[in-house]
Structure formats: structure tokens, C-alpha cells
PDB file of all heavy atoms in Angstrom:
ATOM      1  N   ASN A   1      87.529 167.958  80.768  1.00  0.00           N
ATOM      2  CA  ASN A   1      87.971 169.182  81.443  1.00  0.00           C
ATOM      3  C   ASN A   1      89.151 168.933  82.374  1.00  0.00           C
ATOM      4  O   ASN A   1      89.991 169.810  82.577  1.00  0.00           O
ATOM      5  CB  ASN A   1      86.799 169.803  82.202  1.00  0.00           C
ATOM      6  CG  ASN A   1      85.823 170.495  81.272  1.00  0.00           C
ATOM      7  OD1 ASN A   1      86.198 170.996  80.215  1.00  0.00           O
ATOM      8  ND2 ASN A   1      84.551 170.527  81.644  1.00  0.00           N
ATOM      9  N   ARG A   2      89.232 167.723  82.926  1.00  0.00           N
ATOM     10  CA  ARG A   2      90.375 167.379  83.767  1.00  0.00           C
ATOM     11  C   ARG A   2      91.612 167.126  82.900  1.00  0.00           C
ATOM     12  O   ARG A   2      92.711 167.628  83.189  1.00  0.00           O
ATOM     13  CB  ARG A   2      90.054 166.135  84.597  1.00  0.00           C
ATOM     14  CG  ARG A   2      91.208 165.684  85.505  1.00  0.00           C
ATOM     15  CD  ARG A   2      90.830 164.461  86.310  1.00  0.00           C
ATOM     16  NE  ARG A   2      90.496 163.333  85.471  1.00  0.00           N
ATOM     17  CZ  ARG A   2      91.397 162.525  84.888  1.00  0.00           C
ATOM     18  NH1 ARG A   2      92.697 162.762  85.040  1.00  0.00           N
ATOM     19  NH2 ARG A   2      91.009 161.505  84.153  1.00  0.00           N
ATOM     20  N   LEU A   3      91.432 166.384  81.819  1.00  0.00           N
ATOM     21  CA  LEU A   3      92.565 166.003  80.981  1.00  0.00           C
ATOM     22  C   LEU A   3      93.175 167.182  80.224  1.00  0.00           C
ATOM     23  O   LEU A   3      94.385 167.227  80.014  1.00  0.00           O
ATOM     24  CB  LEU A   3      92.125 164.926  79.978  1.00  0.00           C
ATOM     25  CG  LEU A   3      92.149 163.491  80.489  1.00  0.00           C
ATOM     26  CD1 LEU A   3      91.468 162.569  79.499  1.00  0.00           C
ATOM     27  CD2 LEU A   3      93.591 163.042  80.722  1.00  0.00           C
ATOM     28  N   LYS A   4      92.348 168.135  79.812  1.00  0.00           N
ATOM     29  CA  LYS A   4      92.915 169.248  79.051  1.00  0.00           C
ATOM     30  C   LYS A   4      93.869 170.073  79.917  1.00  0.00           C
ATOM     31  O   LYS A   4      94.855 170.625  79.419  1.00  0.00           O
ATOM     32  CB  LYS A   4      91.815 170.124  78.441  1.00  0.00           C
ATOM     33  CG  LYS A   4      91.011 170.934  79.409  1.00  0.00           C
ATOM     34  CD  LYS A   4      89.901 171.694  78.698  1.00  0.00           C
ATOM     35  CE  LYS A   4      89.096 172.545  79.670  1.00  0.00           C
ATOM     36  NZ  LYS A   4      87.965 173.247  79.021  1.00  0.00           N
ATOM     37  N   LYS A   5      93.607 170.117  81.223  1.00  0.00           N
ATOM     38  CA  LYS A   5      94.526 170.802  82.131  1.00  0.00           C
ATOM     39  C   LYS A   5      95.814 169.993  82.294  1.00  0.00           C
ATOM     40  O   LYS A   5      96.912 170.541  82.297  1.00  0.00           O
ATOM     41  CB  LYS A   5      93.858 171.020  83.492  1.00  0.00           C
ATOM     42  CG  LYS A   5      92.669 171.976  83.447  1.00  0.00           C
ATOM     43  CD  LYS A   5      92.019 172.109  84.809  1.00  0.00           C
ATOM     44  CE  LYS A   5      90.800 173.026  84.744  1.00  0.00           C
ATOM     45  NZ  LYS A   5      90.112 173.119  86.065  1.00  0.00           N
ATOM     46  N   GLU A   6      95.646 168.683  82.402  1.00  0.00           N
ATOM     47  CA  GLU A   6      96.810 167.809  82.553  1.00  0.00           C
ATOM     48  C   GLU A   6      97.703 167.863  81.310  1.00  0.00           C
ATOM     49  O   GLU A   6      98.931 167.818  81.415  1.00  0.00           O
ATOM     50  CB  GLU A   6      96.326 166.376  82.793  1.00  0.00           C
ATOM     51  CG  GLU A   6      97.434 165.379  83.033  1.00  0.00           C
ATOM     52  CD  GLU A   6      96.891 163.986  83.355  1.00  0.00           C
ATOM     53  OE1 GLU A   6      95.738 163.886  83.823  1.00  0.00           O
ATOM     54  OE2 GLU A   6      97.633 163.014  83.129  1.00  0.00           O
ATOM     55  N   ARG A   7      97.088 167.986  80.150  1.00  0.00           N
ATOM     56  CA  ARG A   7      97.835 168.017  78.887  1.00  0.00           C
ATOM     57  C   ARG A   7      98.323 169.426  78.517  1.00  0.00           C
ATOM     58  O   ARG A   7      99.040 169.586  77.546  1.00  0.00           O
ATOM     59  CB  ARG A   7      96.932 167.518  77.751  1.00  0.00           C
ATOM     60  CG  ARG A   7      96.635 166.034  77.748  1.00  0.00           C
ATOM     61  CD  ARG A   7      97.842 165.224  77.377  1.00  0.00           C
ATOM     62  NE  ARG A   7      97.481 163.897  76.886  1.00  0.00           N
ATOM     63  CZ  ARG A   7      98.348 162.930  76.641  1.00  0.00           C
ATOM     64  NH1 ARG A   7      99.644 163.133  76.862  1.00  0.00           N
ATOM     65  NH2 ARG A   7      97.952 161.758  76.198  1.00  0.00           N
ATOM     66  N   ASN A   8      97.900 170.443  79.266  1.00  0.00           N
ATOM     67  CA  ASN A   8      98.164 171.834  78.877  1.00  0.00           C
ATOM     68  C   ASN A   8      97.618 172.074  77.475  1.00  0.00           C
ATOM     69  O   ASN A   8      98.304 172.548  76.563  1.00  0.00           O
ATOM     70  CB  ASN A   8      99.654 172.170  78.926  1.00  0.00           C
ATOM     71  CG  ASN A   8      99.914 173.668  78.749  1.00  0.00           C
ATOM     72  OD1 ASN A   8      99.027 174.496  78.961  1.00  0.00           O
ATOM     73  ND2 ASN A   8     101.134 174.019  78.352  1.00  0.00           N
ATOM     74  N   ALA A   9      96.331 171.714  77.311  1.00  0.00           N
ATOM     75  CA  ALA A   9      95.659 171.815  76.025  1.00  0.00           C
ATOM     76  C   ALA A   9      94.548 172.851  76.088  1.00  0.00           C
ATOM     77  O   ALA A   9      93.961 173.097  77.149  1.00  0.00           O
ATOM     78  CB  ALA A   9      95.084 170.462  75.620  1.00  0.00           C
ATOM     79  N   VAL A  10      94.241 173.443  74.944  1.00  0.00           N
ATOM     80  CA  VAL A  10      93.124 174.371  74.817  1.00  0.00           C
ATOM     81  C   VAL A  10      92.172 173.796  73.772  1.00  0.00           C
ATOM     82  O   VAL A  10      92.609 173.273  72.745  1.00  0.00           O
ATOM     83  CB  VAL A  10      93.609 175.783  74.426  1.00  0.00           C
ATOM     84  CG1 VAL A  10      94.314 175.786  73.089  1.00  0.00           C
ATOM     85  CG2 VAL A  10      92.448 176.769  74.414  1.00  0.00           C
ATOM     86  N   ILE A  11      90.875 173.846  74.066  1.00  0.00           N
ATOM     87  CA  ILE A  11      89.868 173.303  73.160  1.00  0.00           C
ATOM     88  C   ILE A  11      89.167 174.443  72.439  1.00  0.00           C
ATOM     89  O   ILE A  11      88.604 175.335  73.066  1.00  0.00           O
ATOM     90  CB  ILE A  11      88.850 172.430  73.917  1.00  0.00           C
ATOM     91  CG1 ILE A  11      89.558 171.196  74.502  1.00  0.00           C
ATOM     92  CG2 ILE A  11      87.710 172.005  72.990  1.00  0.00           C
ATOM     93  CD1 ILE A  11      88.645 170.271  75.278  1.00  0.00           C
ATOM     94  N   LEU A  12      89.243 174.394  71.097  1.00  0.00           N
ATOM     95  CA  LEU A  12      88.592 175.386  70.254  1.00  0.00           C
ATOM     96  C   LEU A  12      87.305 174.789  69.697  1.00  0.00           C
ATOM     97  O   LEU A  12      87.332 173.673  69.158  1.00  0.00           O
ATOM     98  CB  LEU A  12      89.496 175.782  69.084  1.00  0.00           C
ATOM     99  CG  LEU A  12      90.593 176.816  69.307  1.00  0.00           C
ATOM    100  CD1 LEU A  12      91.511 176.441  70.458  1.00  0.00           C
ATOM    101  CD2 LEU A  12      91.392 177.003  68.024  1.00  0.00           C
ATOM    102  N   ALA A  13      86.194 175.505  69.804  1.00  0.00           N
ATOM    103  CA  ALA A  13      84.925 175.002  69.275  1.00  0.00           C
ATOM    104  C   ALA A  13      84.308 176.033  68.341  1.00  0.00           C
ATOM    105  O   ALA A  13      84.068 177.179  68.735  1.00  0.00           O
ATOM    106  CB  ALA A  13      83.957 174.665  70.402  1.00  0.00           C
ATOM    107  N   HIS A  14      84.052 175.617  67.128  1.00  0.00           N
ATOM    108  CA  HIS A  14      83.383 176.498  66.171  1.00  0.00           C
ATOM    109  C   HIS A  14      81.920 176.708  66.575  1.00  0.00           C
ATOM    110  O   HIS A  14      81.342 175.897  67.316  1.00  0.00           O
ATOM    111  CB  HIS A  14      83.452 175.879  64.763  1.00  0.00           C
ATOM    112  CG  HIS A  14      82.980 176.792  63.686  1.00  0.00           C
ATOM    113  ND1 HIS A  14      81.676 176.786  63.230  1.00  0.00           N
ATOM    114  CD2 HIS A  14      83.620 177.762  62.973  1.00  0.00           C
ATOM    115  CE1 HIS A  14      81.541 177.702  62.290  1.00  0.00           C
ATOM    116  NE2 HIS A  14      82.696 178.312  62.111  1.00  0.00           N
ATOM    117  N   ASN A  15      81.346 177.787  66.083  1.00  0.00           N
ATOM    118  CA  ASN A  15      79.958 178.122  66.411  1.00  0.00           C
ATOM    119  C   ASN A  15      78.956 177.036  66.017  1.00  0.00           C
ATOM    120  O   ASN A  15      77.839 177.019  66.521  1.00  0.00           O
ATOM    121  CB  ASN A  15      79.558 179.430  65.713  1.00  0.00           C
ATOM    122  CG  ASN A  15      80.294 180.634  66.276  1.00  0.00           C
ATOM    123  OD1 ASN A  15      80.510 180.737  67.472  1.00  0.00           O
ATOM    124  ND2 ASN A  15      80.694 181.545  65.397  1.00  0.00           N
ATOM    125  N   TYR A  16      79.359 176.118  65.125  1.00  0.00           N
ATOM    126  CA  TYR A  16      78.455 175.059  64.677  1.00  0.00           C
ATOM    127  C   TYR A  16      78.555 173.782  65.508  1.00  0.00           C
ATOM    128  O   TYR A  16      77.878 172.799  65.210  1.00  0.00           O
ATOM    129  CB  TYR A  16      78.735 174.710  63.209  1.00  0.00           C
ATOM    130  CG  TYR A  16      78.482 175.821  62.223  1.00  0.00           C
ATOM    131  CD1 TYR A  16      79.044 175.777  60.947  1.00  0.00           C
ATOM    132  CD2 TYR A  16      77.677 176.916  62.544  1.00  0.00           C
ATOM    133  CE1 TYR A  16      78.817 176.791  60.024  1.00  0.00           C
ATOM    134  CE2 TYR A  16      77.459 177.934  61.634  1.00  0.00           C
ATOM    135  CZ  TYR A  16      78.026 177.867  60.372  1.00  0.00           C
ATOM    136  OH  TYR A  16      77.806 178.873  59.462  1.00  0.00           O
ATOM    137  N   GLN A  17      79.389 173.766  66.523  1.00  0.00           N
ATOM    138  CA  GLN A  17      79.480 172.583  67.368  1.00  0.00           C
ATOM    139  C   GLN A  17      78.238 172.478  68.257  1.00  0.00           C
ATOM    140  O   GLN A  17      77.566 173.477  68.552  1.00  0.00           O
ATOM    141  CB  GLN A  17      80.732 172.637  68.228  1.00  0.00           C
ATOM    142  CG  GLN A  17      82.021 172.440  67.460  1.00  0.00           C
ATOM    143  CD  GLN A  17      82.123 171.071  66.810  1.00  0.00           C
ATOM    144  OE1 GLN A  17      82.122 170.048  67.479  1.00  0.00           O
ATOM    145  NE2 GLN A  17      82.204 171.042  65.477  1.00  0.00           N
ATOM    146  N   THR A  18      77.936 171.272  68.701  1.00  0.00           N
ATOM    147  CA  THR A  18      76.750 171.042  69.528  1.00  0.00           C
ATOM    148  C   THR A  18      76.925 171.689  70.906  1.00  0.00           C
ATOM    149  O   THR A  18      78.047 171.899  71.368  1.00  0.00           O
ATOM    150  CB  THR A  18      76.496 169.536  69.688  1.00  0.00           C
ATOM    151  OG1 THR A  18      77.714 168.904  70.118  1.00  0.00           O
ATOM    152  CG2 THR A  18      76.042 168.916  68.374  1.00  0.00           C
ATOM    153  N   PRO A  19      75.801 172.024  71.580  1.00  0.00           N
ATOM    154  CA  PRO A  19      75.885 172.737  72.865  1.00  0.00           C
ATOM    155  C   PRO A  19      76.736 172.044  73.923  1.00  0.00           C
ATOM    156  O   PRO A  19      77.379 172.717  74.736  1.00  0.00           O
ATOM    157  CB  PRO A  19      74.419 172.835  73.299  1.00  0.00           C
ATOM    158  CG  PRO A  19      73.649 172.862  72.018  1.00  0.00           C
ATOM    159  CD  PRO A  19      74.396 171.912  71.112  1.00  0.00           C
ATOM    160  N   ASP A  20      76.751 170.700  73.955  1.00  0.00           N
ATOM    161  CA  ASP A  20      77.552 170.011  74.972  1.00  0.00           C
ATOM    162  C   ASP A  20      79.037 170.303  74.807  1.00  0.00           C
ATOM    163  O   ASP A  20      79.771 170.439  75.794  1.00  0.00           O
ATOM    164  CB  ASP A  20      77.297 168.489  74.925  1.00  0.00           C
ATOM    165  CG  ASP A  20      77.500 167.911  73.542  1.00  0.00           C
ATOM    166  OD1 ASP A  20      76.818 168.374  72.625  1.00  0.00           O
ATOM    167  OD2 ASP A  20      78.329 166.994  73.369  1.00  0.00           O
ATOM    168  N   ILE A  21      79.497 170.440  73.559  1.00  0.00           N
ATOM    169  CA  ILE A  21      80.890 170.793  73.293  1.00  0.00           C
ATOM    170  C   ILE A  21      81.101 172.290  73.471  1.00  0.00           C
ATOM    171  O   ILE A  21      82.026 172.727  74.157  1.00  0.00           O
ATOM    172  CB  ILE A  21      81.289 170.354  71.869  1.00  0.00           C
ATOM    173  CG1 ILE A  21      81.247 168.826  71.747  1.00  0.00           C
ATOM    174  CG2 ILE A  21      82.680 170.878  71.504  1.00  0.00           C
ATOM    175  CD1 ILE A  21      81.439 168.304  70.333  1.00  0.00           C
ATOM    176  N   PHE A  22      80.221 173.074  72.868  1.00  0.00           N
ATOM    177  CA  PHE A  22      80.352 174.527  72.846  1.00  0.00           C
ATOM    178  C   PHE A  22      80.347 175.128  74.250  1.00  0.00           C
ATOM    179  O   PHE A  22      81.165 175.991  74.577  1.00  0.00           O
ATOM    180  CB  PHE A  22      79.204 175.112  72.014  1.00  0.00           C
ATOM    181  CG  PHE A  22      79.330 176.576  71.687  1.00  0.00           C
ATOM    182  CD1 PHE A  22      79.975 176.987  70.535  1.00  0.00           C
ATOM    183  CD2 PHE A  22      78.783 177.541  72.512  1.00  0.00           C
ATOM    184  CE1 PHE A  22      80.090 178.336  70.214  1.00  0.00           C
ATOM    185  CE2 PHE A  22      78.885 178.891  72.207  1.00  0.00           C
ATOM    186  CZ  PHE A  22      79.538 179.292  71.055  1.00  0.00           C
ATOM    187  N   HIS A  23      79.444 174.662  75.109  1.00  0.00           N
ATOM    188  CA  HIS A  23      79.273 175.279  76.426  1.00  0.00           C
ATOM    189  C   HIS A  23      79.952 174.524  77.567  1.00  0.00           C
ATOM    190  O   HIS A  23      80.163 175.100  78.638  1.00  0.00           O
ATOM    191  CB  HIS A  23      77.779 175.415  76.758  1.00  0.00           C
ATOM    192  CG  HIS A  23      77.074 176.447  75.933  1.00  0.00           C
ATOM    193  ND1 HIS A  23      77.319 177.796  76.058  1.00  0.00           N
ATOM    194  CD2 HIS A  23      76.132 176.324  74.967  1.00  0.00           C
ATOM    195  CE1 HIS A  23      76.560 178.460  75.211  1.00  0.00           C
ATOM    196  NE2 HIS A  23      75.835 177.601  74.524  1.00  0.00           N
ATOM    197  N   CYS A  24      80.280 173.256  77.354  1.00  0.00           N
ATOM    198  CA  CYS A  24      80.738 172.444  78.492  1.00  0.00           C
ATOM    199  C   CYS A  24      82.225 172.100  78.493  1.00  0.00           C
ATOM    200  O   CYS A  24      82.772 171.814  79.568  1.00  0.00           O
ATOM    201  CB  CYS A  24      79.915 171.152  78.569  1.00  0.00           C
ATOM    202  SG  CYS A  24      78.150 171.427  78.860  1.00  0.00           S
ATOM    203  N   VAL A  25      82.887 172.088  77.333  1.00  0.00           N
ATOM    204  CA  VAL A  25      84.315 171.733  77.334  1.00  0.00           C
ATOM    205  C   VAL A  25      85.183 172.739  76.592  1.00  0.00           C
ATOM    206  O   VAL A  25      86.407 172.739  76.764  1.00  0.00           O
ATOM    207  CB  VAL A  25      84.557 170.317  76.744  1.00  0.00           C
ATOM    208  CG1 VAL A  25      83.822 169.258  77.556  1.00  0.00           C
ATOM    209  CG2 VAL A  25      84.171 170.252  75.272  1.00  0.00           C
ATOM    210  N   ALA A  26      84.598 173.602  75.765  1.00  0.00           N
ATOM    211  CA  ALA A  26      85.393 174.532  74.962  1.00  0.00           C
ATOM    212  C   ALA A  26      85.986 175.645  75.815  1.00  0.00           C
ATOM    213  O   ALA A  26      85.352 176.144  76.745  1.00  0.00           O
ATOM    214  CB  ALA A  26      84.542 175.126  73.855  1.00  0.00           C
TER     215      ALA A  26
END
């Protein structure tokens, strides 16, 4: 979450991703 701001990046997560990805970094 810190690095995506530094990189000016957006994280896309499909509905089939695990909850840690889906709810915590996407």
C-alpha cells in the first residue's frame, strides 16, 4: 500500500482473488 502510492500505481483485483488481496491492497 505504501509502494503503490510511491509508484503512482493502481491495483486491480478480480473477484476470484483471495481476501487478503481483494480487501487489503486492491
